[in-house]
Amino acid sequence: MRRTIRATIARDINWMYRRIEPTDQASLVYREQCPGLTLWAAIGAGEFRGAWSTGKRAFVCMGTGVYEVFSGGTYTLRGTVVTSTGPVEFAQGLFQLVMVDGVAGYVLTLASNAFAQITSPNFYGSKRVAFLDGRFIFVHPDTQQFYWSAGIDTATAYNALDFASAESQPDNIVAHLVDHREIIFFGEYTTEPWLPIPSQDQIYQRNSGATSEVGCAATFSAQKIDNSVFWVGLDKNGTGMVWKMGGNSGYQPQRVSDHLAEDYLAGSSDLSGSRAWVYQDAGQTFYVLWAPGKDTTLVYDASIGRWHERSELVNGSLARWRAWGHVFAFGLHLVGDGEGNLYRIDETVNKYGSDLMYRETTSPHAVAPSIKWVYFDVMRLNTTLGQTTLTAAPNIEMRYSDNGGETWSSWTPRSLGAIGEFNKPPTWHRLGRAKDRVWQWRVTEDCKCAVIGLDVTSREGTA
């Protein structure tokens, strides 16, 4: 994950930070384990491609099928699309739900459930779709042009003259979305907002003073979150950073990624295929990003301003988190996987489906490493205890490295408490000496485990 682990090694897998409120506590944040996933519907029709909720109804695209799902986890097929893989994006108007898959467009009439492919010769396809002021807006693939539906609140008719060009710079439009009644067009090297201000023969006008010189490296990385827009950026000097625009930063893009996230993106086999989705739960808002070729999913917590990773342990190796995308429906956070399943995000379980959640965290290097030996007598971890349904007490395991993470000691387990056992925190004794100690902990059993703090008794040697 890190390019130089001797310099920086801290990492959190399936542990996220939560703020402690009020702030007059011993610590401002602690590590809470990520929520689990409980199977909600097994559609089994191909990979999760996209989803939408109207507020009362919910729809999901799995493989070639577009399904309506209901509150009890049942579902029915509403239509089919011509492709079977890759993202499908939705946008809703007053009467219609519109979908695009990069090749064709589709309309579901909400009142009648009639489903049809868009057949107008002036519909050119689009990877993404947006809706603003009664019109559906698309991007003509591999061009600077965007175009829109001819009628109000209908996506079936198109006029060959209903288009405009985002041409502040000669780069093609990669992605677009609507934010605060502006259409944000992400080019390859620039980003420019447009406003719905009709003038002469144009419906939209560019907000010329808001153009920025940061483009988009991945079409489906651009998402709205935390009153802002986030995306994986690209400019003429390089790529592989996550940016945000809006909110307190206005139109000036601000770097969101840290070196952890940028090392992650640099290791992708195809950065343009990165996909992101967002969700908000328990006062925290998350930007969830996966890049092809990576064995974990990267998550930014906008409320804390920190990144963590979510992953699964498959045959002893880390693998991409199974949640490919998200929809909030029926008061539930639902996510889909690559095999046609829908899960609900569930804080009461310690599993992803039927698989145990693997949790691992690595401490930073010593803030002030000493040229003298430091002897570690006792280490006590402040964790939740007794949070299990297992008959025997589950364990947390610890190991350490004295050479910056190049090699490690053996894993040493300590109890996390049997049911109802709350007063014996995991403690390790006689932990040797080091000049720069890095600690690592992991949990692989069916129990809840939050890490609140760490107490170490140490002493400095004389040489």
Protein backbone atom coordinates (compact mmCIF):
# COMPACT_ATOMS: atom_id res chain seq x y z
CA MET A 1 0.00 0.00 0.00
CA ARG A 2 2.68 2.49 0.99
CA ARG A 3 5.60 3.24 -1.32
CA THR A 4 8.07 3.53 1.58
CA ILE A 5 6.85 1.66 4.63
CA ARG A 6 9.89 2.68 6.65
CA ALA A 7 8.58 6.25 6.42
CA THR A 8 4.85 5.69 6.91
CA ILE A 9 2.91 2.49 7.46
CA ALA A 10 -0.35 3.33 9.29
CA ARG A 11 -3.35 1.54 7.82
CA ASP A 12 -6.92 0.64 8.80
CA ILE A 13 -8.80 -2.23 7.14
CA ASN A 14 -12.47 -2.60 8.11
CA TRP A 15 -11.94 -0.19 10.99
CA MET A 16 -13.09 3.40 10.59
CA TYR A 17 -12.79 6.47 12.78
CA ARG A 18 -15.66 7.90 14.77
CA ARG A 19 -15.64 11.23 16.53
CA ILE A 20 -16.25 11.23 20.27
CA GLU A 21 -18.85 13.83 21.25
CA PRO A 22 -18.74 15.87 23.39
CA THR A 23 -15.05 16.56 22.90
CA ASP A 24 -14.11 16.70 26.60
CA GLN A 25 -13.14 13.04 26.57
CA ALA A 26 -9.71 11.42 26.78
CA SER A 27 -9.58 11.06 23.00
CA LEU A 28 -11.30 12.91 20.16
CA VAL A 29 -11.73 9.84 17.95
CA TYR A 30 -11.64 6.06 18.21
CA ARG A 31 -11.64 3.13 15.79
CA GLU A 32 -15.09 1.62 15.23
CA GLN A 33 -15.34 -1.53 13.17
CA CYS A 34 -17.10 -1.05 9.85
CA PRO A 35 -20.68 -2.30 9.64
CA GLY A 36 -21.35 -5.76 8.29
CA LEU A 37 -23.58 -6.85 5.42
CA THR A 38 -26.69 -9.04 5.70
CA LEU A 39 -28.14 -10.70 2.59
CA TRP A 40 -31.40 -8.97 1.66
CA ALA A 41 -32.28 -10.27 -1.82
CA ALA A 42 -30.62 -12.91 -4.03
CA ILE A 43 -31.55 -11.86 -7.56
CA GLY A 44 -28.64 -13.81 -9.05
CA ALA A 45 -28.87 -12.30 -12.51
CA GLY A 46 -25.38 -10.86 -13.01
CA GLU A 47 -23.29 -8.07 -11.54
CA PHE A 48 -24.73 -5.04 -9.77
CA ARG A 49 -24.64 -2.14 -12.26
CA GLY A 50 -26.66 0.66 -10.68
CA ALA A 51 -29.76 1.49 -8.68
CA TRP A 52 -32.30 4.22 -7.97
CA SER A 53 -34.93 5.04 -5.36
CA THR A 54 -37.86 7.35 -6.08
CA GLY A 55 -38.62 7.63 -2.37
CA LYS A 56 -41.39 5.02 -2.44
CA ARG A 57 -40.06 2.66 -5.10
CA ALA A 58 -36.62 1.21 -5.78
CA PHE A 59 -35.00 -0.17 -8.92
CA VAL A 60 -31.77 -2.02 -9.55
CA CYS A 61 -29.93 -3.16 -12.68
CA MET A 62 -28.34 -6.61 -12.38
CA GLY A 63 -26.74 -8.01 -15.52
CA THR A 64 -29.15 -7.31 -18.38
CA GLY A 65 -32.21 -6.97 -16.13
CA VAL A 66 -33.81 -3.90 -14.60
CA TYR A 67 -35.72 -5.01 -11.51
CA GLU A 68 -38.08 -3.29 -9.14
CA VAL A 69 -37.37 -4.41 -5.58
CA PHE A 70 -39.87 -4.23 -2.76
CA SER A 71 -39.59 -3.65 0.97
CA GLY A 72 -39.65 -7.33 1.87
CA GLY A 73 -36.75 -8.20 -0.42
CA THR A 74 -38.88 -9.53 -3.27
CA TYR A 75 -38.44 -8.24 -6.82
CA THR A 76 -39.87 -8.29 -10.33
CA LEU A 77 -38.33 -7.74 -13.76
CA ARG A 78 -39.35 -4.45 -15.41
CA GLY A 79 -37.17 -4.52 -18.54
CA THR A 80 -33.87 -5.52 -20.11
CA VAL A 81 -30.88 -3.61 -21.46
CA VAL A 82 -28.61 -4.55 -24.37
CA THR A 83 -25.39 -4.76 -22.34
CA SER A 84 -24.59 -7.08 -19.45
CA THR A 85 -21.62 -5.44 -17.66
CA GLY A 86 -20.46 -1.98 -16.68
CA PRO A 87 -22.20 0.83 -14.80
CA VAL A 88 -25.79 1.83 -15.56
CA GLU A 89 -26.85 5.30 -14.43
CA PHE A 90 -30.36 6.47 -13.59
CA ALA A 91 -32.11 9.86 -13.54
CA GLN A 92 -35.71 10.55 -12.57
CA GLY A 93 -38.16 13.07 -13.99
CA LEU A 94 -41.72 13.76 -13.02
CA PHE A 95 -43.14 10.80 -14.92
CA GLN A 96 -40.21 8.76 -16.17
CA LEU A 97 -37.10 6.96 -14.96
CA VAL A 98 -34.30 7.10 -17.52
CA MET A 99 -31.29 4.75 -17.69
CA VAL A 100 -28.13 4.75 -19.81
CA ASP A 101 -25.50 2.03 -20.14
CA GLY A 102 -22.99 3.77 -22.40
CA VAL A 103 -24.51 2.19 -25.51
CA ALA A 104 -28.25 2.85 -25.37
CA GLY A 105 -30.86 4.68 -23.35
CA TYR A 106 -34.07 3.37 -21.76
CA VAL A 107 -37.26 4.83 -20.35
CA LEU A 108 -39.46 3.36 -17.64
CA THR A 109 -42.81 5.13 -17.34
CA LEU A 110 -43.50 5.11 -13.62
CA ALA A 111 -47.31 5.13 -13.79
CA SER A 112 -47.66 2.19 -16.21
CA ASN A 113 -44.31 0.38 -15.74
CA ALA A 114 -43.88 0.42 -19.52
CA PHE A 115 -40.21 -0.07 -20.42
CA ALA A 116 -38.71 0.89 -23.78
CA GLN A 117 -35.40 1.63 -25.43
CA ILE A 118 -34.91 5.17 -26.74
CA THR A 119 -35.01 4.93 -30.55
CA SER A 120 -34.75 8.56 -31.68
CA PRO A 121 -32.04 9.01 -34.37
CA ASN A 122 -30.93 12.11 -32.46
CA PHE A 123 -30.17 10.12 -29.31
CA TYR A 124 -26.44 9.33 -29.41
CA GLY A 125 -26.02 7.34 -26.23
CA SER A 126 -24.27 8.49 -23.05
CA LYS A 127 -22.37 7.02 -20.11
CA ARG A 128 -24.19 9.22 -17.62
CA VAL A 129 -27.51 11.06 -17.42
CA ALA A 130 -28.72 14.03 -15.37
CA PHE A 131 -32.06 15.79 -14.93
CA LEU A 132 -32.62 19.52 -14.46
CA ASP A 133 -35.69 21.73 -14.90
CA GLY A 134 -37.73 19.17 -16.79
CA ARG A 135 -35.05 17.98 -19.21
CA PHE A 136 -32.78 14.95 -19.30
CA ILE A 137 -29.18 15.81 -20.16
CA PHE A 138 -26.68 13.49 -21.86
CA VAL A 139 -23.12 13.62 -23.19
CA HIS A 140 -22.41 12.71 -26.81
CA PRO A 141 -19.66 10.07 -26.31
CA ASP A 142 -16.07 11.07 -27.13
CA THR A 143 -16.98 14.67 -27.92
CA GLN A 144 -17.23 18.08 -26.27
CA GLN A 145 -20.97 18.12 -26.87
CA PHE A 146 -23.87 17.56 -24.52
CA TYR A 147 -27.50 17.37 -25.56
CA TRP A 148 -30.92 17.20 -23.94
CA SER A 149 -34.42 15.86 -24.41
CA ALA A 150 -36.69 17.97 -26.61
CA GLY A 151 -39.83 17.92 -24.48
CA ILE A 152 -40.48 18.79 -20.87
CA ASP A 153 -40.58 15.75 -18.57
CA THR A 154 -40.19 13.27 -21.39
CA ALA A 155 -37.08 11.45 -22.62
CA THR A 156 -38.45 9.94 -25.83
CA ALA A 157 -38.03 12.85 -28.28
CA TYR A 158 -34.80 14.64 -29.32
CA ASN A 159 -34.01 17.52 -31.63
CA ALA A 160 -30.76 17.50 -33.62
CA LEU A 161 -30.26 21.19 -32.74
CA ASP A 162 -30.64 20.75 -28.99
CA PHE A 163 -26.96 20.57 -28.05
CA ALA A 164 -24.11 22.74 -26.81
CA SER A 165 -20.35 22.36 -26.41
CA ALA A 166 -18.23 22.61 -23.29
CA GLU A 167 -15.32 24.15 -25.11
CA SER A 168 -13.39 26.41 -22.77
CA GLN A 169 -10.55 23.98 -23.58
CA PRO A 170 -10.30 21.42 -26.40
CA ASP A 171 -10.96 18.32 -24.26
CA ASN A 172 -13.83 15.85 -24.45
CA ILE A 173 -16.47 15.63 -21.72
CA VAL A 174 -15.79 12.64 -19.47
CA ALA A 175 -18.64 12.95 -16.94
CA HIS A 176 -21.43 15.26 -15.83
CA LEU A 177 -23.83 15.69 -12.94
CA VAL A 178 -26.21 18.28 -11.51
CA ASP A 179 -25.28 20.01 -8.27
CA HIS A 180 -27.19 22.96 -6.76
CA ARG A 181 -28.98 23.61 -10.08
CA GLU A 182 -25.74 23.70 -12.03
CA ILE A 183 -24.62 21.10 -14.53
CA ILE A 184 -20.97 20.27 -13.85
CA PHE A 185 -19.18 19.01 -16.96
CA PHE A 186 -15.90 17.22 -16.28
CA GLY A 187 -13.58 17.28 -19.23
CA GLU A 188 -10.36 15.37 -19.61
CA TYR A 189 -8.34 18.33 -18.33
CA THR A 190 -10.87 20.96 -17.27
CA THR A 191 -14.15 21.28 -15.38
CA GLU A 192 -16.83 23.83 -16.16
CA PRO A 193 -20.29 24.48 -14.65
CA TRP A 194 -23.27 25.44 -16.80
CA LEU A 195 -26.44 27.19 -15.67
CA PRO A 196 -30.05 26.84 -16.91
CA ILE A 197 -30.30 30.43 -18.19
CA PRO A 198 -32.13 30.49 -21.56
CA SER A 199 -30.75 33.05 -24.02
CA GLN A 200 -31.70 33.30 -27.69
CA ASP A 201 -31.46 29.73 -29.03
CA GLN A 202 -29.60 28.30 -26.02
CA ILE A 203 -31.16 26.80 -22.90
CA TYR A 204 -27.91 26.60 -20.92
CA GLN A 205 -24.98 28.98 -20.48
CA ARG A 206 -21.48 28.37 -19.22
CA ASN A 207 -20.51 29.93 -15.89
CA SER A 208 -17.30 31.31 -17.39
CA GLY A 209 -15.82 32.53 -14.12
CA ALA A 210 -16.01 29.07 -12.55
CA THR A 211 -13.99 26.97 -15.01
CA SER A 212 -11.12 25.07 -13.39
CA GLU A 213 -8.07 23.36 -14.84
CA VAL A 214 -8.60 19.99 -13.19
CA GLY A 215 -10.31 17.34 -15.28
CA CYS A 216 -11.62 13.87 -14.57
CA ALA A 217 -9.68 10.61 -14.92
CA ALA A 218 -12.63 8.24 -14.30
CA THR A 219 -16.19 8.79 -15.52
CA PHE A 220 -17.88 7.08 -12.59
CA SER A 221 -15.69 8.57 -9.86
CA ALA A 222 -17.59 11.89 -9.92
CA GLN A 223 -20.22 11.90 -7.14
CA LYS A 224 -22.02 14.38 -4.90
CA ILE A 225 -21.18 14.18 -1.21
CA ASP A 226 -21.08 16.48 1.81
CA ASN A 227 -22.51 19.47 -0.08
CA SER A 228 -19.65 19.15 -2.60
CA VAL A 229 -18.59 17.16 -5.66
CA PHE A 230 -15.78 14.60 -5.42
CA TRP A 231 -13.87 12.97 -8.30
CA VAL A 232 -10.58 11.35 -9.33
CA GLY A 233 -8.72 14.14 -11.08
CA LEU A 234 -6.56 14.53 -14.13
CA ASP A 235 -4.72 17.54 -15.49
CA LYS A 236 -1.88 18.17 -17.92
CA ASN A 237 0.67 17.59 -15.15
CA GLY A 238 -0.53 14.22 -13.91
CA THR A 239 -3.33 12.16 -12.39
CA GLY A 240 -4.31 10.05 -9.41
CA MET A 241 -5.59 12.57 -6.87
CA VAL A 242 -9.09 12.90 -5.42
CA TRP A 243 -10.51 16.42 -5.60
CA LYS A 244 -13.58 18.17 -4.30
CA MET A 245 -15.37 21.30 -5.45
CA GLY A 246 -18.22 23.20 -3.83
CA GLY A 247 -19.15 23.90 -0.25
CA ASN A 248 -16.60 26.12 1.49
CA SER A 249 -14.11 25.69 -1.36
CA GLY A 250 -16.44 27.23 -3.95
CA TYR A 251 -15.40 26.52 -7.53
CA GLN A 252 -11.72 26.08 -6.70
CA PRO A 253 -10.85 22.34 -6.58
CA GLN A 254 -9.32 21.21 -3.30
CA ARG A 255 -7.21 18.10 -2.77
CA VAL A 256 -9.03 15.50 -0.66
CA SER A 257 -6.74 12.51 -1.08
CA ASP A 258 -3.73 11.95 1.14
CA HIS A 259 -0.68 9.94 0.20
CA LEU A 260 -2.43 6.74 1.32
CA ALA A 261 -5.18 7.31 -1.26
CA GLU A 262 -2.74 8.46 -3.93
CA ASP A 263 -0.51 5.40 -3.49
CA TYR A 264 -3.66 3.32 -3.82
CA LEU A 265 -4.68 5.00 -7.08
CA ALA A 266 -1.16 4.87 -8.47
CA GLY A 267 -1.28 1.08 -8.20
CA SER A 268 -4.44 0.70 -10.29
CA SER A 269 -4.27 -1.30 -13.50
CA ASP A 270 -6.82 1.02 -15.17
CA LEU A 271 -7.52 4.26 -13.33
CA SER A 272 -10.18 5.28 -15.86
CA GLY A 273 -12.30 2.34 -14.69
CA SER A 274 -12.48 3.55 -11.08
CA ARG A 275 -15.99 3.65 -9.64
CA ALA A 276 -17.34 5.53 -6.64
CA TRP A 277 -20.57 5.71 -4.69
CA VAL A 278 -21.63 7.52 -1.54
CA TYR A 279 -23.79 6.97 1.49
CA GLN A 280 -24.59 8.69 4.79
CA ASP A 281 -25.18 6.86 8.04
CA ALA A 282 -25.13 7.75 11.74
CA GLY A 283 -23.86 11.28 11.12
CA GLN A 284 -21.02 10.20 8.83
CA THR A 285 -20.84 10.58 5.05
CA PHE A 286 -18.68 8.22 3.02
CA TYR A 287 -17.13 8.41 -0.47
CA VAL A 288 -16.48 4.79 -1.47
CA LEU A 289 -13.93 4.32 -4.26
CA TRP A 290 -12.59 1.21 -5.96
CA ALA A 291 -9.88 1.18 -8.63
CA PRO A 292 -9.31 -1.80 -10.95
CA GLY A 293 -6.48 -4.06 -9.89
CA LYS A 294 -6.75 -3.17 -6.19
CA ASP A 295 -7.48 -5.71 -3.45
CA THR A 296 -9.24 -3.27 -1.14
CA THR A 297 -11.88 -0.56 -1.48
CA LEU A 298 -10.90 2.94 -0.38
CA VAL A 299 -13.34 4.95 1.76
CA TYR A 300 -13.20 8.64 2.69
CA ASP A 301 -15.13 9.75 5.75
CA ALA A 302 -16.08 13.37 5.09
CA SER A 303 -17.14 13.99 8.69
CA ILE A 304 -13.70 13.02 10.05
CA GLY A 305 -11.58 13.86 7.01
CA ARG A 306 -9.77 10.51 6.99
CA TRP A 307 -9.44 7.51 4.68
CA HIS A 308 -9.75 3.84 5.55
CA GLU A 309 -10.06 0.61 3.56
CA ARG A 310 -12.74 -2.05 3.36
CA SER A 311 -11.84 -5.50 2.17
CA GLU A 312 -12.54 -9.20 2.51
CA LEU A 313 -10.22 -12.08 3.31
CA VAL A 314 -10.49 -14.74 0.58
CA ASN A 315 -8.25 -17.80 0.83
CA GLY A 316 -5.86 -15.89 3.06
CA SER A 317 -5.55 -12.85 0.77
CA LEU A 318 -7.27 -9.49 0.76
CA ALA A 319 -9.93 -9.01 -1.93
CA ARG A 320 -12.15 -6.15 -3.10
CA TRP A 321 -15.10 -5.40 -0.84
CA ARG A 322 -18.22 -6.98 -2.28
CA ALA A 323 -20.26 -3.77 -2.19
CA TRP A 324 -20.15 -2.45 -5.80
CA GLY A 325 -22.81 0.24 -5.41
CA HIS A 326 -25.58 1.55 -3.19
CA VAL A 327 -29.18 2.69 -2.96
CA PHE A 328 -31.05 4.01 0.08
CA ALA A 329 -34.56 2.56 0.01
CA PHE A 330 -37.23 1.60 2.55
CA GLY A 331 -35.08 3.17 5.26
CA LEU A 332 -32.25 0.74 4.48
CA HIS A 333 -28.79 1.12 2.98
CA LEU A 334 -28.69 -1.54 0.26
CA VAL A 335 -25.56 -2.52 -1.67
CA GLY A 336 -25.05 -4.93 -4.56
CA ASP A 337 -22.24 -7.32 -5.39
CA GLY A 338 -20.83 -8.93 -8.53
CA GLU A 339 -23.05 -11.99 -8.30
CA GLY A 340 -26.57 -10.56 -8.28
CA ASN A 341 -27.03 -10.19 -4.52
CA LEU A 342 -28.35 -7.24 -2.54
CA TYR A 343 -27.23 -6.75 1.06
CA ARG A 344 -28.29 -4.29 3.72
CA ILE A 345 -25.57 -2.49 5.65
CA ASP A 346 -25.99 -3.87 9.15
CA GLU A 347 -24.11 -2.64 12.23
CA THR A 348 -25.37 -5.57 14.30
CA VAL A 349 -23.33 -8.23 12.45
CA ASN A 350 -19.62 -8.91 12.16
CA LYS A 351 -19.81 -10.59 8.77
CA TYR A 352 -20.01 -9.74 5.10
CA GLY A 353 -22.82 -12.07 4.12
CA SER A 354 -21.80 -15.46 5.49
CA ASP A 355 -18.09 -14.57 5.67
CA LEU A 356 -16.44 -13.25 8.83
CA MET A 357 -15.20 -9.68 8.68
CA TYR A 358 -11.42 -9.39 8.84
CA ARG A 359 -10.24 -6.34 10.78
CA GLU A 360 -6.67 -5.06 10.83
CA THR A 361 -5.03 -1.86 11.97
CA THR A 362 -1.40 -0.76 11.90
CA SER A 363 -0.06 2.02 14.10
CA PRO A 364 2.12 4.87 12.84
CA HIS A 365 5.85 4.82 13.48
CA ALA A 366 7.01 6.26 16.78
CA VAL A 367 6.55 10.03 16.59
CA ALA A 368 9.97 10.68 18.11
CA PRO A 369 12.14 7.58 17.62
CA SER A 370 15.08 7.52 19.98
CA ILE A 371 18.73 6.71 19.38
CA LYS A 372 18.47 4.91 22.71
CA TRP A 373 16.68 1.63 23.22
CA VAL A 374 13.13 1.86 24.53
CA TYR A 375 12.00 -1.10 26.66
CA PHE A 376 8.30 -2.01 26.47
CA ASP A 377 7.11 -3.59 29.69
CA VAL A 378 3.31 -3.62 29.35
CA MET A 379 0.81 -2.77 26.61
CA ARG A 380 -2.92 -2.61 27.35
CA LEU A 381 -5.51 -2.09 24.61
CA ASN A 382 -8.71 -0.29 25.48
CA THR A 383 -11.36 -2.15 23.46
CA THR A 384 -14.97 -3.20 23.66
CA LEU A 385 -15.24 -6.47 25.61
CA GLY A 386 -17.75 -9.27 25.88
CA GLN A 387 -19.48 -8.31 22.60
CA THR A 388 -19.95 -11.78 21.13
CA THR A 389 -22.39 -14.66 20.83
CA LEU A 390 -19.60 -17.24 20.79
CA THR A 391 -19.43 -19.82 23.59
CA ALA A 392 -15.69 -19.31 24.00
CA ALA A 393 -14.14 -15.86 24.33
CA PRO A 394 -12.88 -14.47 21.00
CA ASN A 395 -9.38 -13.09 20.61
CA ILE A 396 -7.61 -10.06 19.27
CA GLU A 397 -4.09 -10.73 18.00
CA MET A 398 -1.06 -8.42 18.16
CA ARG A 399 2.34 -8.39 16.52
CA TYR A 400 5.05 -5.76 16.17
CA SER A 401 7.91 -4.72 13.94
CA ASP A 402 11.18 -3.10 14.96
CA ASN A 403 12.45 -2.46 11.44
CA GLY A 404 9.70 -0.31 10.00
CA GLY A 405 7.40 -3.11 8.89
CA GLU A 406 9.91 -5.13 6.91
CA THR A 407 9.56 -8.14 9.22
CA TRP A 408 7.19 -8.91 12.07
CA SER A 409 7.01 -10.89 15.29
CA SER A 410 4.58 -13.79 15.61
CA TRP A 411 0.91 -13.06 16.25
CA THR A 412 0.08 -13.20 19.97
CA PRO A 413 -3.60 -13.55 20.95
CA ARG A 414 -5.40 -12.06 23.93
CA SER A 415 -9.01 -12.50 25.00
CA LEU A 416 -11.73 -9.98 24.10
CA GLY A 417 -13.93 -11.35 26.85
CA ALA A 418 -16.62 -14.00 26.97
CA ILE A 419 -20.26 -12.95 27.05
CA GLY A 420 -20.71 -10.51 29.92
CA GLU A 421 -16.98 -10.28 30.70
CA PHE A 422 -16.21 -6.57 30.57
CA ASN A 423 -13.30 -5.90 32.94
CA LYS A 424 -10.24 -7.65 31.51
CA PRO A 425 -8.77 -5.62 28.64
CA PRO A 426 -6.25 -7.42 26.39
CA THR A 427 -2.79 -6.94 27.88
CA TRP A 428 0.69 -8.00 26.76
CA HIS A 429 3.86 -8.07 28.91
CA ARG A 430 7.63 -8.11 28.36
CA LEU A 431 7.58 -6.88 24.77
CA GLY A 432 11.30 -6.37 24.30
CA ARG A 433 13.11 -3.28 23.14
CA ALA A 434 13.16 -1.14 19.99
CA LYS A 435 14.20 2.24 18.64
CA ASP A 436 11.17 2.51 16.36
CA ARG A 437 8.26 0.20 17.22
CA VAL A 438 5.24 -0.34 14.95
CA TRP A 439 2.23 -2.25 16.29
CA GLN A 440 -0.40 -4.20 14.40
CA TRP A 441 -3.65 -5.81 15.59
CA ARG A 442 -6.20 -8.03 13.88
CA VAL A 443 -9.54 -9.66 14.67
CA THR A 444 -10.78 -12.68 12.72
CA GLU A 445 -13.62 -13.95 14.92
CA ASP A 446 -17.35 -13.27 15.17
CA CYS A 447 -17.36 -10.47 17.71
CA LYS A 448 -17.69 -6.73 17.84
CA CYS A 449 -14.45 -4.88 18.50
CA ALA A 450 -13.88 -1.14 18.70
CA VAL A 451 -10.43 0.18 19.63
CA ILE A 452 -10.69 3.21 21.92
CA GLY A 453 -7.11 3.69 23.03
CA LEU A 454 -3.74 2.22 23.92
CA ASP A 455 -1.69 2.38 27.11
CA VAL A 456 2.00 1.46 27.04
CA THR A 457 4.41 1.28 29.94
CA SER A 458 7.92 1.86 28.59
CA ARG A 459 11.28 3.12 29.74
CA GLU A 460 14.32 4.45 27.98
CA GLY A 461 17.60 2.60 28.25
CA THR A 462 20.98 4.20 28.93
CA ALA A 463 22.51 3.36 25.55
